[in-house]
N, C-alpha and C. Protein backbone atom coordinates (compact mmCIF):
# COMPACT_ATOMS: atom_id res chain seq x y z
N GLU A 1 -5.99 -7.58 -4.35
CA GLU A 1 -6.87 -8.85 -3.25
C GLU A 1 -4.77 -9.10 -2.88
N LEU A 2 -4.40 -9.31 -3.76
CA LEU A 2 -2.74 -9.98 -3.78
C LEU A 2 -1.92 -9.09 -3.35
N VAL A 3 -1.64 -8.29 -3.81
CA VAL A 3 -1.31 -6.92 -3.09
C VAL A 3 -1.13 -6.49 -1.72
N GLN A 4 -2.67 -7.16 -1.10
CA GLN A 4 -3.25 -6.26 0.04
C GLN A 4 -2.16 -7.54 0.98
N GLN A 5 -2.49 -8.64 0.24
CA GLN A 5 -2.20 -9.83 1.35
C GLN A 5 -0.53 -9.91 1.17
N VAL A 6 -0.01 -10.08 0.62
CA VAL A 6 1.64 -9.65 0.70
C VAL A 6 2.17 -8.57 1.61
N VAL A 7 1.17 -7.35 1.39
CA VAL A 7 1.93 -6.40 2.25
C VAL A 7 1.15 -6.79 3.77
N ALA A 8 0.57 -7.02 3.69
CA ALA A 8 -0.09 -7.49 5.11
C ALA A 8 0.99 -8.49 5.87
N ASN A 9 1.25 -9.20 4.90
CA ASN A 9 2.19 -10.39 5.59
C ASN A 9 3.85 -10.24 6.12
N HIS A 10 3.80 -8.81 5.19
CA HIS A 10 5.51 -8.54 5.34
C HIS A 10 5.52 -7.81 6.77
N TYR A 11 4.39 -6.75 7.01
CA TYR A 11 4.42 -6.07 8.18
C TYR A 11 3.77 -6.99 9.43
N GLN A 12 2.92 -7.76 9.21
CA GLN A 12 2.81 -8.58 10.61
C GLN A 12 1.20 -7.80 11.03
N ILE A 13 0.23 -7.97 9.83
CA ILE A 13 -0.79 -7.29 10.28
C ILE A 13 -1.88 -8.51 9.55
N GLU A 14 -3.09 -7.77 10.14
CA GLU A 14 -4.47 -8.66 9.51
C GLU A 14 -4.50 -7.48 8.35
N LEU A 15 -5.30 -8.71 7.28
CA LEU A 15 -5.45 -8.12 6.31
C LEU A 15 -6.65 -7.08 6.20
N ALA A 16 -7.70 -8.00 7.29
CA ALA A 16 -8.32 -6.68 7.28
C ALA A 16 -8.30 -5.41 7.81
N ALA A 17 -7.23 -5.25 8.37
CA ALA A 17 -6.84 -3.58 8.59
C ALA A 17 -6.16 -2.78 7.68
N MET A 18 -6.03 -3.45 6.12
CA MET A 18 -5.56 -2.35 5.06
C MET A 18 -7.83 -2.36 4.84
N ARG A 19 -7.67 -2.17 5.30
CA ARG A 19 -9.94 -2.27 4.71
C ARG A 19 -10.31 -0.85 6.16
N SER A 20 -9.78 -1.42 6.84
CA SER A 20 -9.76 -0.39 8.09
C SER A 20 -9.92 0.64 8.04
N HIS A 21 -10.58 1.19 8.70
CA HIS A 21 -10.23 3.14 8.97
C HIS A 21 -9.76 3.70 10.30
N GLU A 22 -8.61 2.53 10.40
CA GLU A 22 -7.72 2.71 11.95
C GLU A 22 -6.60 3.40 11.16
N ARG A 23 -6.03 4.62 11.96
CA ARG A 23 -5.10 5.39 11.46
C ARG A 23 -4.07 5.44 12.26
N SER A 24 -3.68 4.17 13.10
CA SER A 24 -2.13 4.34 14.03
C SER A 24 -1.00 3.95 12.71
N ARG A 25 0.11 4.56 13.11
CA ARG A 25 1.04 4.49 11.89
C ARG A 25 1.44 2.69 11.35
N ASP A 26 1.27 1.77 12.41
CA ASP A 26 1.32 1.02 12.59
C ASP A 26 0.67 -0.34 11.35
N ILE A 27 -0.65 0.45 10.49
CA ILE A 27 -1.31 0.13 10.25
C ILE A 27 -1.20 1.14 9.05
N THR A 28 -1.20 2.74 8.90
CA THR A 28 -1.53 3.39 7.66
C THR A 28 -0.34 3.27 6.50
N LEU A 29 1.12 2.78 7.07
CA LEU A 29 2.11 3.30 6.60
C LEU A 29 2.35 2.18 5.72
N PRO A 30 1.76 0.61 6.32
CA PRO A 30 1.81 -0.65 5.30
C PRO A 30 0.53 -0.41 4.14
N ARG A 31 -0.62 0.35 4.47
CA ARG A 31 -1.63 0.69 4.26
C ARG A 31 -1.25 1.20 2.50
N GLN A 32 -0.36 2.48 2.93
CA GLN A 32 0.00 3.12 1.54
C GLN A 32 0.81 2.97 0.99
N ILE A 33 1.90 2.07 1.53
CA ILE A 33 2.53 0.87 0.33
C ILE A 33 1.37 -0.19 -0.37
N ALA A 34 0.78 -0.56 0.62
CA ALA A 34 -0.25 -1.46 -1.10
C ALA A 34 -0.59 -0.38 -1.38
N MET A 35 -1.29 0.78 -1.45
CA MET A 35 -2.06 1.13 -2.02
C MET A 35 -1.06 1.98 -3.52
N TYR A 36 0.17 2.23 -2.86
CA TYR A 36 1.09 2.88 -4.22
C TYR A 36 1.03 1.64 -5.32
N LEU A 37 1.82 0.03 -4.14
CA LEU A 37 2.06 -0.96 -5.18
C LEU A 37 1.14 -1.55 -5.77
N ALA A 38 -0.59 -1.26 -5.78
CA ALA A 38 -1.31 -1.48 -6.42
C ALA A 38 -1.40 -0.52 -7.64
N ARG A 39 -1.57 0.41 -7.46
CA ARG A 39 -1.34 1.80 -8.67
C ARG A 39 0.34 1.26 -9.74
N GLU A 40 0.95 0.61 -9.15
CA GLU A 40 2.36 0.41 -10.11
C GLU A 40 2.10 -0.98 -10.63
N LEU A 41 1.58 -1.31 -10.16
CA LEU A 41 1.29 -3.05 -10.36
C LEU A 41 0.13 -3.60 -11.15
N THR A 42 -0.95 -2.70 -11.50
CA THR A 42 -2.14 -3.13 -11.69
C THR A 42 -2.44 -1.92 -12.75
N ASN A 43 -3.34 -2.31 -13.26
CA ASN A 43 -4.40 -1.59 -14.63
C ASN A 43 -5.15 -0.41 -13.69
N LEU A 44 -5.85 -0.55 -12.60
CA LEU A 44 -6.88 -0.23 -11.56
C LEU A 44 -6.95 1.42 -11.45
N SER A 45 -8.20 1.89 -11.85
CA SER A 45 -8.09 3.30 -11.56
C SER A 45 -8.00 3.57 -10.01
N LEU A 46 -7.57 5.23 -10.12
CA LEU A 46 -7.84 5.18 -8.71
C LEU A 46 -9.04 4.85 -7.42
N PRO A 47 -9.88 5.64 -8.35
CA PRO A 47 -11.54 5.27 -7.90
C PRO A 47 -11.44 3.72 -7.16
N ASP A 48 -10.80 2.72 -8.47
CA ASP A 48 -10.93 1.38 -7.98
C ASP A 48 -10.20 0.98 -6.59
N ILE A 49 -9.08 1.57 -6.70
CA ILE A 49 -8.40 1.21 -5.90
C ILE A 49 -8.77 1.72 -4.61
N ALA A 50 -9.43 2.91 -4.57
CA ALA A 50 -9.39 3.05 -3.25
C ALA A 50 -10.87 2.60 -2.56
N ARG A 51 -11.67 1.96 -3.45
CA ARG A 51 -12.86 0.74 -3.34
C ARG A 51 -12.49 -0.17 -2.23
N ASN A 52 -11.44 -1.18 -2.98
CA ASN A 52 -10.59 -2.11 -2.07
C ASN A 52 -9.93 -1.69 -1.43
N PHE A 53 -10.07 -0.20 -0.46
CA PHE A 53 -8.97 -0.49 0.52
C PHE A 53 -10.02 0.16 1.35
N GLY A 54 -11.39 -0.51 1.57
CA GLY A 54 -12.45 0.08 2.78
C GLY A 54 -13.08 1.17 2.03
N GLY A 55 -13.53 1.14 1.14
CA GLY A 55 -14.12 2.72 0.63
C GLY A 55 -13.57 3.90 0.32
N ARG A 56 -12.35 4.20 0.85
CA ARG A 56 -11.95 5.43 0.38
C ARG A 56 -11.93 6.24 -0.90
N ASP A 57 -11.77 7.60 -0.34
CA ASP A 57 -11.76 8.70 -2.09
C ASP A 57 -10.09 8.31 -2.52
N HIS A 58 -10.48 8.30 -3.93
CA HIS A 58 -9.27 8.23 -4.89
C HIS A 58 -8.09 9.11 -4.50
N THR A 59 -8.71 10.36 -3.43
CA THR A 59 -8.01 11.54 -3.94
C THR A 59 -6.64 11.07 -2.45
N THR A 60 -7.17 9.71 -1.46
CA THR A 60 -6.52 9.46 -0.48
C THR A 60 -5.18 8.46 -1.44
N VAL A 61 -5.88 8.28 -2.34
CA VAL A 61 -4.91 6.91 -2.97
C VAL A 61 -4.20 7.73 -3.82
N LEU A 62 -4.31 8.97 -4.08
CA LEU A 62 -3.44 9.91 -4.55
C LEU A 62 -2.10 10.27 -4.00
N HIS A 63 -2.48 10.37 -2.45
CA HIS A 63 -1.54 10.84 -1.26
C HIS A 63 -0.95 9.63 -0.86
N ALA A 64 -1.51 8.71 -0.57
CA ALA A 64 -0.61 7.70 -0.44
C ALA A 64 0.92 7.19 -1.13
N CYS A 65 -0.07 7.36 -2.50
CA CYS A 65 1.13 7.21 -3.65
C CYS A 65 2.41 8.29 -3.68
N LYS A 66 2.25 9.57 -3.39
CA LYS A 66 2.87 10.98 -3.17
C LYS A 66 3.85 10.08 -1.92
N LYS A 67 3.01 10.35 -0.82
CA LYS A 67 3.92 9.93 0.18
C LYS A 67 5.19 8.89 0.05
N VAL A 68 4.37 8.12 -0.35
CA VAL A 68 5.21 6.97 -0.46
C VAL A 68 6.75 6.88 -1.28
N GLU A 69 6.28 7.40 -2.57
CA GLU A 69 7.28 8.16 -2.99
C GLU A 69 8.13 9.16 -2.52
N SER A 70 7.93 9.82 -1.97
CA SER A 70 8.52 11.16 -1.07
C SER A 70 9.67 10.25 -0.02
N ILE A 71 8.98 9.02 0.62
CA ILE A 71 9.29 8.54 1.61
C ILE A 71 10.79 7.62 1.55
N GLN A 72 10.47 7.03 0.19
CA GLN A 72 11.66 6.01 -0.63
C GLN A 72 12.91 6.96 -1.12
N GLU A 73 12.63 8.13 -1.24
CA GLU A 73 13.65 8.98 -1.65
C GLU A 73 14.78 9.05 -0.66
N ARG A 74 14.29 9.49 0.24
CA ARG A 74 15.04 9.14 2.00
C ARG A 74 15.53 8.27 2.63
N ASP A 75 14.52 7.66 2.71
CA ASP A 75 14.90 5.82 3.02
C ASP A 75 15.06 4.88 2.53
N LEU A 76 16.23 4.50 2.47
CA LEU A 76 16.55 3.21 1.87
C LEU A 76 16.47 1.92 2.21
N SER A 77 15.95 1.61 3.72
CA SER A 77 15.48 0.68 4.27
C SER A 77 13.83 0.21 3.31
N LEU A 78 13.27 1.62 3.58
CA LEU A 78 11.85 1.29 3.00
C LEU A 78 11.72 1.30 1.45
N ARG A 79 12.92 1.93 1.33
CA ARG A 79 12.92 1.46 -0.30
C ARG A 79 13.57 -0.08 -0.75
N THR A 80 14.14 -0.68 0.08
CA THR A 80 14.36 -2.13 0.20
C THR A 80 13.06 -2.83 0.46
N SER A 81 12.51 -2.58 0.98
CA SER A 81 10.99 -3.57 1.86
C SER A 81 10.22 -3.28 0.73
N ILE A 82 10.34 -2.12 0.26
CA ILE A 82 8.91 -2.35 -1.40
C ILE A 82 9.79 -2.80 -2.16
N MET A 83 10.89 -2.85 -2.36
CA MET A 83 11.61 -3.61 -3.46
C MET A 83 11.26 -5.19 -3.23
N HIS A 84 11.36 -5.45 -2.15
CA HIS A 84 11.19 -6.95 -1.94
C HIS A 84 9.71 -7.48 -2.08
N ILE A 85 8.57 -6.31 -1.45
CA ILE A 85 7.26 -6.91 -1.57
C ILE A 85 7.14 -6.95 -3.34
N ARG A 86 7.57 -6.28 -3.44
CA ARG A 86 7.28 -6.32 -5.28
C ARG A 86 7.54 -7.68 -5.98
N GLU A 87 8.36 -7.86 -5.73
CA GLU A 87 9.33 -9.24 -6.08
C GLU A 87 8.52 -10.22 -5.39
N LEU A 88 8.08 -10.08 -4.41
CA LEU A 88 7.50 -11.33 -3.72
C LEU A 88 5.77 -11.00 -4.77
N ILE A 89 5.60 -10.14 -5.13
CA ILE A 89 3.75 -9.98 -5.64
C ILE A 89 4.11 -10.46 -6.94
N GLN A 90 4.93 -9.84 -7.82
CA GLN A 90 5.33 -10.29 -9.03
C GLN A 90 6.10 -12.06 -9.17
N ALA A 91 6.34 -12.28 -8.69
CA ALA A 91 6.94 -13.87 -8.68
C ALA A 91 5.45 -14.75 -9.22
């Protein structure tokens, strides 16, 4: 929940959008980042994370994590944003 709140605030989207099935890029990327950070910063299993994001499948979480890792490798601004969000969550 905290991860979702911090990411939603950072990207200025509604918290409910994290759990919605909307697929617009404005919602999808922040949701994927939140899934990635939930996996990195919690001990929750993939199915548990998926349930917290609107009842998605665990493979959706796995895909999100791989995608965010891939984008971070080539996008410095995204990497910086994720580092900032991670610091806010851990503070």
